[in-house]
PDB file of N, CA and C in Angstrom:
ATOM      1  N   MET A   1      -8.942  11.111  17.678  1.00  0.00           N
ATOM      2  CA  MET A   1      -7.915  10.409  16.458  1.00  0.00           C
ATOM      3  C   MET A   1      -6.836   9.698  17.209  1.00  0.00           C
ATOM      4  N   ARG A   2      -6.017  10.099  18.074  1.00  0.00           N
ATOM      5  CA  ARG A   2      -5.053   9.435  18.620  1.00  0.00           C
ATOM      6  C   ARG A   2      -5.640   8.496  19.677  1.00  0.00           C
ATOM      7  N   LYS A   3      -6.505   8.588  20.350  1.00  0.00           N
ATOM      8  CA  LYS A   3      -7.134   7.494  21.384  1.00  0.00           C
ATOM      9  C   LYS A   3      -7.575   6.112  20.580  1.00  0.00           C
ATOM     10  N   ALA A   4      -8.225   6.363  19.597  1.00  0.00           N
ATOM     11  CA  ALA A   4      -9.041   5.501  18.961  1.00  0.00           C
ATOM     12  C   ALA A   4      -8.119   4.659  17.974  1.00  0.00           C
ATOM     13  N   GLY A   5      -7.080   5.724  17.290  1.00  0.00           N
ATOM     14  CA  GLY A   5      -6.116   5.112  16.160  1.00  0.00           C
ATOM     15  C   GLY A   5      -6.991   5.086  15.004  1.00  0.00           C
ATOM     16  N   LEU A   6      -8.027   5.936  14.877  1.00  0.00           N
ATOM     17  CA  LEU A   6      -9.066   5.790  13.676  1.00  0.00           C
ATOM     18  C   LEU A   6      -8.721   6.981  12.934  1.00  0.00           C
ATOM     19  N   PRO A   7      -8.687   7.046  11.561  1.00  0.00           N
ATOM     20  CA  PRO A   7      -8.697   8.452  10.719  1.00  0.00           C
ATOM     21  C   PRO A   7      -9.885   9.198  10.853  1.00  0.00           C
ATOM     22  N   GLU A   8      -9.565  10.293  10.681  1.00  0.00           N
ATOM     23  CA  GLU A   8     -10.813  11.478  10.744  1.00  0.00           C
ATOM     24  C   GLU A   8     -11.009  12.092   9.431  1.00  0.00           C
ATOM     25  N   VAL A   9     -12.234  11.917   8.771  1.00  0.00           N
ATOM     26  CA  VAL A   9     -12.493  12.370   7.505  1.00  0.00           C
ATOM     27  C   VAL A   9     -13.141  13.898   7.873  1.00  0.00           C
ATOM     28  N   LEU A  10     -12.407  14.564   6.912  1.00  0.00           N
ATOM     29  CA  LEU A  10     -12.733  16.237   6.847  1.00  0.00           C
ATOM     30  C   LEU A  10     -13.804  16.396   5.529  1.00  0.00           C
ATOM     31  N   THR A  11     -14.910  16.808   5.899  1.00  0.00           N
ATOM     32  CA  THR A  11     -15.634  17.114   4.578  1.00  0.00           C
ATOM     33  C   THR A  11     -15.988  18.582   4.250  1.00  0.00           C
ATOM     34  N   VAL A  12     -16.388  18.808   3.198  1.00  0.00           N
ATOM     35  CA  VAL A  12     -16.548  20.014   2.545  1.00  0.00           C
ATOM     36  C   VAL A  12     -18.169  19.873   1.812  1.00  0.00           C
ATOM     37  N   ASN A  13     -19.235  20.787   2.582  1.00  0.00           N
ATOM     38  CA  ASN A  13     -20.488  20.452   1.872  1.00  0.00           C
ATOM     39  C   ASN A  13     -20.758  18.970   1.872  1.00  0.00           C
ATOM     40  N   GLY A  14     -20.532  18.401   2.865  1.00  0.00           N
ATOM     41  CA  GLY A  14     -20.986  16.978   2.998  1.00  0.00           C
ATOM     42  C   GLY A  14     -20.218  16.048   2.348  1.00  0.00           C
ATOM     43  N   ARG A  15     -19.115  16.510   1.453  1.00  0.00           N
ATOM     44  CA  ARG A  15     -18.372  15.467   0.666  1.00  0.00           C
ATOM     45  C   ARG A  15     -16.975  15.234   1.247  1.00  0.00           C
ATOM     46  N   ALA A  16     -16.456  14.072   1.475  1.00  0.00           N
ATOM     47  CA  ALA A  16     -15.122  13.860   1.818  1.00  0.00           C
ATOM     48  C   ALA A  16     -14.105  14.615   1.171  1.00  0.00           C
ATOM     49  N   GLU A  17     -13.146  15.500   1.719  1.00  0.00           N
ATOM     50  CA  GLU A  17     -12.171  16.029   1.034  1.00  0.00           C
ATOM     51  C   GLU A  17     -10.879  15.633   1.476  1.00  0.00           C
ATOM     52  N   ARG A  18     -10.396  15.295   2.917  1.00  0.00           N
ATOM     53  CA  ARG A  18      -9.190  14.929   3.535  1.00  0.00           C
ATOM     54  C   ARG A  18      -9.594  13.835   4.503  1.00  0.00           C
ATOM     55  N   VAL A  19      -8.420  13.237   4.662  1.00  0.00           N
ATOM     56  CA  VAL A  19      -8.289  12.089   5.634  1.00  0.00           C
ATOM     57  C   VAL A  19      -7.259  12.429   6.341  1.00  0.00           C
ATOM     58  N   LEU A  20      -7.356  12.673   7.482  1.00  0.00           N
ATOM     59  CA  LEU A  20      -6.323  12.647   8.860  1.00  0.00           C
ATOM     60  C   LEU A  20      -6.129  11.557   9.357  1.00  0.00           C
ATOM     61  N   GLN A  21      -4.632  11.208   9.906  1.00  0.00           N
ATOM     62  CA  GLN A  21      -4.332  10.047  10.536  1.00  0.00           C
ATOM     63  C   GLN A  21      -2.942  10.340  11.188  1.00  0.00           C
ATOM     64  N   THR A  22      -2.710   9.797  12.330  1.00  0.00           N
ATOM     65  CA  THR A  22      -1.445   9.566  12.986  1.00  0.00           C
ATOM     66  C   THR A  22      -0.336   9.251  11.892  1.00  0.00           C
ATOM     67  N   ALA A  23       1.041   9.642  12.198  1.00  0.00           N
ATOM     68  CA  ALA A  23       2.059   9.079  11.517  1.00  0.00           C
ATOM     69  C   ALA A  23       2.369   7.703  11.583  1.00  0.00           C
ATOM     70  N   GLU A  24       1.894   7.227  12.880  1.00  0.00           N
ATOM     71  CA  GLU A  24       2.270   5.862  13.304  1.00  0.00           C
ATOM     72  C   GLU A  24       0.901   4.806  12.617  1.00  0.00           C
ATOM     73  N   VAL A  25      -0.068   5.443  12.670  1.00  0.00           N
ATOM     74  CA  VAL A  25      -1.005   4.671  11.842  1.00  0.00           C
ATOM     75  C   VAL A  25      -0.664   4.485  10.340  1.00  0.00           C
ATOM     76  N   TYR A  26      -0.347   5.557   9.707  1.00  0.00           N
ATOM     77  CA  TYR A  26       0.220   5.767   8.340  1.00  0.00           C
ATOM     78  C   TYR A  26       1.417   4.767   8.049  1.00  0.00           C
ATOM     79  N   GLN A  27       2.197   4.569   8.842  1.00  0.00           N
ATOM     80  CA  GLN A  27       3.425   4.005   8.831  1.00  0.00           C
ATOM     81  C   GLN A  27       2.898   2.353   9.086  1.00  0.00           C
ATOM     82  N   ALA A  28       2.238   2.269   9.947  1.00  0.00           N
ATOM     83  CA  ALA A  28       1.783   0.533   9.990  1.00  0.00           C
ATOM     84  C   ALA A  28       0.908   0.335   8.654  1.00  0.00           C
ATOM     85  N   MET A  29       0.375   1.210   7.988  1.00  0.00           N
ATOM     86  CA  MET A  29      -0.509   0.867   6.706  1.00  0.00           C
ATOM     87  C   MET A  29       0.766   0.534   5.727  1.00  0.00           C
ATOM     88  N   MET A  30       1.585   1.532   5.844  1.00  0.00           N
ATOM     89  CA  MET A  30       2.593   1.406   4.560  1.00  0.00           C
ATOM     90  C   MET A  30       3.238   0.084   4.550  1.00  0.00           C
ATOM     91  N   ASN A  31       3.701  -0.338   6.062  1.00  0.00           N
ATOM     92  CA  ASN A  31       4.164  -1.603   6.290  1.00  0.00           C
ATOM     93  C   ASN A  31       3.273  -2.837   5.583  1.00  0.00           C
ATOM     94  N   ARG A  32       2.087  -2.719   5.902  1.00  0.00           N
ATOM     95  CA  ARG A  32       1.224  -3.772   5.600  1.00  0.00           C
ATOM     96  C   ARG A  32       1.089  -3.856   3.867  1.00  0.00           C
ATOM     97  N   LEU A  33       1.169  -2.700   3.524  1.00  0.00           N
ATOM     98  CA  LEU A  33       0.961  -2.658   1.955  1.00  0.00           C
ATOM     99  C   LEU A  33       2.161  -3.073   1.472  1.00  0.00           C
ATOM    100  N   GLU A  34       3.485  -2.804   2.061  1.00  0.00           N
ATOM    101  CA  GLU A  34       4.589  -3.488   1.408  1.00  0.00           C
ATOM    102  C   GLU A  34       4.372  -4.930   1.377  1.00  0.00           C
ATOM    103  N   LEU A  35       3.965  -5.600   2.564  1.00  0.00           N
ATOM    104  CA  LEU A  35       3.883  -6.918   2.334  1.00  0.00           C
ATOM    105  C   LEU A  35       3.020  -7.625   1.301  1.00  0.00           C
ATOM    106  N   TYR A  36       2.061  -7.099   1.107  1.00  0.00           N
ATOM    107  CA  TYR A  36       1.154  -7.385  -0.132  1.00  0.00           C
ATOM    108  C   TYR A  36       1.852  -7.418  -1.513  1.00  0.00           C
ATOM    109  N   GLU A  37       2.375  -6.075  -1.619  1.00  0.00           N
ATOM    110  CA  GLU A  37       3.052  -5.743  -2.795  1.00  0.00           C
ATOM    111  C   GLU A  37       4.094  -6.720  -3.386  1.00  0.00           C
ATOM    112  N   ASN A  38       5.092  -6.731  -2.465  1.00  0.00           N
ATOM    113  CA  ASN A  38       6.238  -7.499  -2.586  1.00  0.00           C
ATOM    114  C   ASN A  38       6.082  -8.834  -3.323  1.00  0.00           C
ATOM    115  N   PRO A  39       5.152  -9.782  -2.768  1.00  0.00           N
ATOM    116  CA  PRO A  39       5.078 -11.036  -3.524  1.00  0.00           C
ATOM    117  C   PRO A  39       4.283 -10.815  -4.841  1.00  0.00           C
ATOM    118  N   ILE A  40       3.670  -9.909  -4.943  1.00  0.00           N
ATOM    119  CA  ILE A  40       3.052  -9.735  -6.334  1.00  0.00           C
ATOM    120  C   ILE A  40       4.020  -9.417  -7.314  1.00  0.00           C
ATOM    121  N   GLN A  41       4.970  -8.445  -6.949  1.00  0.00           N
ATOM    122  CA  GLN A  41       5.990  -8.124  -7.835  1.00  0.00           C
ATOM    123  C   GLN A  41       7.022  -9.253  -8.040  1.00  0.00           C
ATOM    124  N   VAL A  42       7.324  -9.984  -7.041  1.00  0.00           N
ATOM    125  CA  VAL A  42       8.210 -11.016  -7.125  1.00  0.00           C
ATOM    126  C   VAL A  42       7.449 -11.984  -8.310  1.00  0.00           C
ATOM    127  N   ALA A  43       6.391 -12.361  -8.030  1.00  0.00           N
ATOM    128  CA  ALA A  43       5.685 -13.442  -9.024  1.00  0.00           C
ATOM    129  C   ALA A  43       5.459 -12.873 -10.436  1.00  0.00           C
ATOM    130  N   ALA A  44       5.255 -11.349 -10.547  1.00  0.00           N
ATOM    131  CA  ALA A  44       5.084 -10.827 -12.022  1.00  0.00           C
ATOM    132  C   ALA A  44       6.496 -11.005 -12.536  1.00  0.00           C
ATOM    133  N   ALA A  45       7.631 -10.718 -11.829  1.00  0.00           N
ATOM    134  CA  ALA A  45       9.024 -10.811 -12.418  1.00  0.00           C
ATOM    135  C   ALA A  45       9.197 -12.139 -12.795  1.00  0.00           C
ATOM    136  N   MET A  46       8.934 -13.154 -12.003  1.00  0.00           N
ATOM    137  CA  MET A  46       9.311 -14.465 -12.491  1.00  0.00           C
ATOM    138  C   MET A  46       8.498 -14.952 -13.623  1.00  0.00           C
ATOM    139  N   SER A  47       7.069 -14.331 -13.553  1.00  0.00           N
ATOM    140  CA  SER A  47       6.573 -14.893 -14.636  1.00  0.00           C
ATOM    141  C   SER A  47       7.128 -14.158 -16.197  1.00  0.00           C
ATOM    142  N   ASP A  48       7.568 -13.160 -15.998  1.00  0.00           N
ATOM    143  CA  ASP A  48       8.019 -12.322 -17.084  1.00  0.00           C
ATOM    144  C   ASP A  48       9.349 -13.198 -17.271  1.00  0.00           C
ATOM    145  N   ARG A  49      10.105 -13.407 -16.508  1.00  0.00           N
ATOM    146  CA  ARG A  49      11.415 -14.113 -16.504  1.00  0.00           C
ATOM    147  C   ARG A  49      11.205 -15.726 -17.402  1.00  0.00           C
ATOM    148  N   SER A  50      10.115 -16.139 -17.000  1.00  0.00           N
ATOM    149  CA  SER A  50       9.945 -17.551 -17.483  1.00  0.00           C
ATOM    150  C   SER A  50       9.500 -17.483 -19.025  1.00  0.00           C
ATOM    151  N   ARG A  51       8.671 -16.186 -19.254  1.00  0.00           N
ATOM    152  CA  ARG A  51       8.520 -16.184 -20.791  1.00  0.00           C
ATOM    153  C   ARG A  51       9.371 -15.450 -21.351  1.00  0.00           C
ATOM    154  N   ASN A  52      10.336 -14.787 -20.925  1.00  0.00           N
ATOM    155  CA  ASN A  52      11.399 -14.147 -21.730  1.00  0.00           C
ATOM    156  C   ASN A  52      12.643 -14.253 -21.015  1.00  0.00           C
ATOM    157  N   PRO A  53      13.495 -15.531 -20.835  1.00  0.00           N
ATOM    158  CA  PRO A  53      14.393 -15.620 -20.221  1.00  0.00           C
ATOM    159  C   PRO A  53      15.713 -14.673 -20.591  1.00  0.00           C
ATOM    160  N   SER A  54      16.281 -14.213 -19.860  1.00  0.00           N
ATOM    161  CA  SER A  54      17.536 -13.162 -20.242  1.00  0.00           C
ATOM    162  C   SER A  54      18.647 -14.334 -20.208  1.00  0.00           C
ATOM    163  N   TRP A  55      18.838 -15.419 -20.029  1.00  0.00           N
ATOM    164  CA  TRP A  55      20.051 -16.327 -20.331  1.00  0.00           C
ATOM    165  C   TRP A  55      20.027 -17.166 -21.334  1.00  0.00           C
ATOM    166  N   VAL A  56      21.274 -17.658 -21.757  1.00  0.00           N
ATOM    167  CA  VAL A  56      21.026 -18.533 -23.060  1.00  0.00           C
ATOM    168  C   VAL A  56      21.716 -19.668 -22.388  1.00  0.00           C
ATOM    169  N   ASP A  57      21.241 -20.915 -22.692  1.00  0.00           N
ATOM    170  CA  ASP A  57      21.552 -22.282 -22.443  1.00  0.00           C
ATOM    171  C   ASP A  57      22.635 -23.072 -23.481  1.00  0.00           C
TER     172      ASP A  57
END
């Protein structure tokens, strides 16, 4: 696991039950996920704001 940096899948009766990965790999995955989530959240917030402005002209 540490050498290759790949997760290990633990199985019970031939079915995946758990995935093990290093803390470093997990943190890198979370960092990448945050990069993808933030633009989506910003776009959704801007879309909501354009439909329902909270300011008065």
